[in-house]
Amino acid sequence: MGAGIIGLGVLQCIRARSNARVIVVDLSARRLQLARELGAHLTINASQEDAVARLKALYGDSALSLLDTAESGIDTVFDCAGATARFQGTTVLEQAISLVRQNGKVVVVAVFERKIELDVNAVVRKGVQLLGSWAWTPADFVQSMKLISSGKIDRKPLITHRFALEEASQAYETQMQANEAIKVVLTP
């Protein structure tokens, strides 16, 4: 959930390392189009439909499911959206916990600009494995470089804009436009 530079990177890593079915949810049609080009099996535009309701209709409502089988529910949800300082409403993390199947995993890759409230009872009742991921270890960088140098992952399609260093202000403004930019690069 979240198809920015991090979410699209997670998509690329999953597709490079597994045959898992990958569904990407975002608010930006442009980012969802790129997610499809990068191998997402299904995309959902949360600005146009209730993503949680759609996913529950497709995979079952894990809160109502009495059977815990590999075929029922969603195994893993990656929160690649977080919560901005101005965000109001149900967070992606809360949505992820509601979607994941019994004993499933929720991996938080996003950074949160503000503190959020979370019903920990939902985590406990479902046996959710809540994992944080700050992938900045030297081993992570080596593994990333291998995936990129082998051609299994190509990060170039994610660069939507390039600016000269003198245009840094415009670059930052552009980066803040989710429908316009995915990754903005400054060049010397």
Protein backbone atom coordinates (compact mmCIF):
# COMPACT_ATOMS: atom_id res chain seq x y z
CA MET A 1 0.00 0.00 0.00
CA GLY A 2 1.66 3.14 -1.30
CA ALA A 3 3.32 3.37 -4.72
CA GLY A 4 5.93 6.02 -4.18
CA ILE A 5 9.62 5.40 -4.65
CA ILE A 6 9.69 3.01 -1.68
CA GLY A 7 6.50 1.13 -2.52
CA LEU A 8 7.54 0.66 -6.13
CA GLY A 9 10.92 -0.56 -4.89
CA VAL A 10 9.19 -3.11 -2.67
CA LEU A 11 7.15 -4.22 -5.69
CA GLN A 12 10.35 -4.62 -7.74
CA CYS A 13 12.04 -6.65 -5.00
CA ILE A 14 9.07 -8.95 -4.54
CA ARG A 15 8.78 -9.55 -8.29
CA ALA A 16 12.56 -10.13 -8.60
CA ARG A 17 12.69 -12.64 -5.76
CA SER A 18 9.37 -14.51 -5.80
CA ASN A 19 6.30 -15.54 -7.77
CA ALA A 20 3.93 -13.96 -5.23
CA ARG A 21 0.79 -12.23 -6.48
CA VAL A 22 1.32 -8.51 -5.89
CA ILE A 23 -1.46 -5.95 -5.51
CA VAL A 24 -0.55 -2.27 -5.31
CA VAL A 25 -2.81 0.39 -3.80
CA ASP A 26 -2.24 4.12 -4.22
CA LEU A 27 -4.05 7.40 -4.88
CA SER A 28 -2.11 8.31 -8.04
CA ALA A 29 -3.11 6.96 -11.44
CA ARG A 30 0.40 7.68 -12.74
CA ARG A 31 2.07 5.67 -9.98
CA LEU A 32 -0.38 2.81 -10.42
CA GLN A 33 0.33 2.73 -14.16
CA LEU A 34 4.04 2.40 -13.41
CA ALA A 35 3.25 -0.34 -10.86
CA ARG A 36 1.49 -2.30 -13.63
CA GLU A 37 4.48 -1.77 -15.94
CA LEU A 38 6.77 -3.09 -13.17
CA GLY A 39 4.72 -6.27 -12.78
CA ALA A 40 1.88 -5.63 -10.33
CA HIS A 41 -0.85 -8.18 -10.92
CA LEU A 42 -3.60 -5.80 -9.80
CA THR A 43 -3.71 -2.12 -8.91
CA ILE A 44 -6.37 -0.29 -6.94
CA ASN A 45 -6.82 3.46 -7.02
CA ALA A 46 -7.92 4.33 -3.47
CA SER A 47 -9.02 7.79 -4.60
CA GLN A 48 -11.68 6.13 -6.77
CA GLU A 49 -12.76 3.15 -4.69
CA ASP A 50 -12.57 1.71 -1.18
CA ALA A 51 -9.43 -0.42 -1.43
CA VAL A 52 -10.11 -2.30 1.80
CA ALA A 53 -13.64 -3.24 0.73
CA ARG A 54 -12.40 -4.35 -2.69
CA LEU A 55 -9.61 -6.48 -1.23
CA LYS A 56 -11.95 -8.04 1.32
CA ALA A 57 -14.39 -8.85 -1.48
CA LEU A 58 -11.59 -10.49 -3.47
CA TYR A 59 -9.82 -12.32 -0.64
CA GLY A 60 -12.34 -12.58 2.16
CA ASP A 61 -12.77 -10.66 5.36
CA SER A 62 -10.11 -12.11 7.65
CA ALA A 63 -11.96 -10.77 10.67
CA LEU A 64 -14.86 -13.11 9.82
CA SER A 65 -12.82 -16.07 8.61
CA LEU A 66 -12.72 -19.09 10.90
CA LEU A 67 -10.37 -21.03 8.66
CA ASP A 68 -6.68 -20.20 8.55
CA THR A 69 -5.47 -21.62 5.29
CA ALA A 70 -2.83 -20.49 2.84
CA GLU A 71 -5.62 -19.90 0.31
CA SER A 72 -7.67 -17.56 2.49
CA GLY A 73 -6.86 -13.95 3.02
CA ILE A 74 -3.83 -11.86 2.33
CA ASP A 75 -0.52 -13.20 3.65
CA THR A 76 1.53 -10.01 3.84
CA VAL A 77 0.84 -6.29 3.56
CA PHE A 78 3.59 -3.68 3.20
CA ASP A 79 2.75 -0.22 4.53
CA CYS A 80 4.73 2.04 2.21
CA ALA A 81 2.56 5.10 2.85
CA GLY A 82 2.85 5.98 6.54
CA ALA A 83 1.01 9.06 7.76
CA THR A 84 1.78 12.66 6.90
CA ALA A 85 1.51 15.40 9.50
CA ARG A 86 -1.81 16.55 7.99
CA PHE A 87 -3.34 13.11 7.38
CA GLN A 88 -6.84 12.53 8.72
CA GLY A 89 -8.73 9.23 8.85
CA THR A 90 -7.85 5.56 8.95
CA THR A 91 -4.14 5.03 8.41
CA VAL A 92 -2.73 2.55 5.93
CA LEU A 93 -1.28 0.67 8.91
CA GLU A 94 -4.76 0.20 10.38
CA GLN A 95 -6.06 -0.87 6.97
CA ALA A 96 -3.19 -3.33 6.58
CA ILE A 97 -3.93 -4.93 9.94
CA SER A 98 -7.60 -5.29 9.00
CA LEU A 99 -6.70 -6.91 5.67
CA VAL A 100 -4.00 -9.38 6.61
CA ARG A 101 -5.11 -12.93 7.36
CA GLN A 102 -4.86 -14.63 10.73
CA ASN A 103 -1.14 -14.94 11.65
CA GLY A 104 -0.21 -12.83 8.61
CA LYS A 105 2.51 -10.20 8.40
CA VAL A 106 2.36 -6.43 8.19
CA VAL A 107 5.69 -4.88 7.24
CA VAL A 108 6.02 -1.17 7.94
CA VAL A 109 8.49 0.37 5.51
CA ALA A 110 7.02 3.88 5.63
CA VAL A 111 8.06 6.71 7.87
CA PHE A 112 5.39 8.43 9.95
CA GLU A 113 5.48 12.23 10.28
CA ARG A 114 3.22 12.07 13.32
CA LYS A 115 2.24 9.70 16.08
CA ILE A 116 -0.79 7.55 15.39
CA GLU A 117 -3.23 5.66 17.54
CA LEU A 118 -3.39 1.94 16.93
CA ASP A 119 -5.79 -0.67 18.28
CA VAL A 120 -3.22 -3.20 19.45
CA ASN A 121 -6.05 -5.63 20.29
CA ALA A 122 -6.55 -6.16 16.54
CA VAL A 123 -2.89 -7.21 16.27
CA VAL A 124 -3.22 -9.56 19.24
CA ARG A 125 -6.55 -11.15 18.22
CA LYS A 126 -5.30 -11.97 14.74
CA GLY A 127 -1.76 -12.93 15.77
CA VAL A 128 -0.41 -10.37 13.31
CA GLN A 129 3.36 -10.24 12.95
CA LEU A 130 4.06 -6.50 12.88
CA LEU A 131 7.53 -5.87 11.48
CA GLY A 132 9.45 -2.67 10.95
CA SER A 133 11.93 -2.45 8.11
CA TRP A 134 14.76 0.06 7.94
CA ALA A 135 16.75 -1.54 5.13
CA TRP A 136 20.01 0.28 5.49
CA THR A 137 22.44 -2.40 6.55
CA PRO A 138 25.58 -3.01 4.47
CA ALA A 139 24.21 -6.45 3.55
CA ASP A 140 21.00 -4.84 2.27
CA PHE A 141 22.98 -2.48 0.06
CA VAL A 142 25.06 -5.36 -1.35
CA GLN A 143 21.92 -7.37 -2.07
CA SER A 144 20.29 -4.33 -3.73
CA MET A 145 23.34 -3.69 -5.89
CA LYS A 146 23.33 -7.33 -7.02
CA LEU A 147 19.66 -7.14 -8.02
CA ILE A 148 20.26 -3.91 -9.95
CA SER A 149 23.54 -4.95 -11.60
CA SER A 150 22.03 -8.29 -12.67
CA GLY A 151 19.16 -6.46 -14.38
CA LYS A 152 16.51 -8.09 -12.18
CA ILE A 153 15.60 -4.61 -10.96
CA ASP A 154 15.74 -1.40 -13.00
CA ARG A 155 15.30 1.76 -10.93
CA LYS A 156 15.58 4.13 -13.92
CA PRO A 157 11.85 4.03 -14.82
CA LEU A 158 11.08 5.52 -11.39
CA ILE A 159 12.99 8.74 -12.17
CA THR A 160 10.38 11.11 -13.54
CA HIS A 161 12.25 14.43 -13.32
CA ARG A 162 15.82 15.72 -13.37
CA PHE A 163 16.82 19.18 -12.21
CA ALA A 164 20.08 21.07 -12.05
CA LEU A 165 21.34 21.74 -8.54
CA GLU A 166 20.47 25.41 -8.98
CA GLU A 167 16.82 24.36 -9.45
CA ALA A 168 16.62 22.57 -6.09
CA SER A 169 13.64 24.62 -4.92
CA GLN A 170 11.61 23.69 -8.01
CA ALA A 171 12.77 20.06 -7.66
CA TYR A 172 11.47 19.83 -4.10
CA GLU A 173 8.15 21.41 -5.10
CA THR A 174 7.83 18.92 -7.95
CA GLN A 175 8.62 15.97 -5.66
CA MET A 176 5.73 16.97 -3.41
CA GLN A 177 3.25 16.47 -6.29
CA ALA A 178 2.35 12.76 -6.08
CA ASN A 179 0.42 12.83 -9.36
CA GLU A 180 3.34 14.52 -11.11
CA ALA A 181 6.50 12.93 -9.72
CA ILE A 182 7.77 9.63 -8.48
CA LYS A 183 11.49 10.32 -8.06
CA VAL A 184 13.14 13.67 -8.66
CA VAL A 185 16.91 13.71 -9.10
CA LEU A 186 19.23 16.68 -8.68
CA THR A 187 22.26 16.72 -10.93
CA PRO A 188 25.38 18.85 -10.36
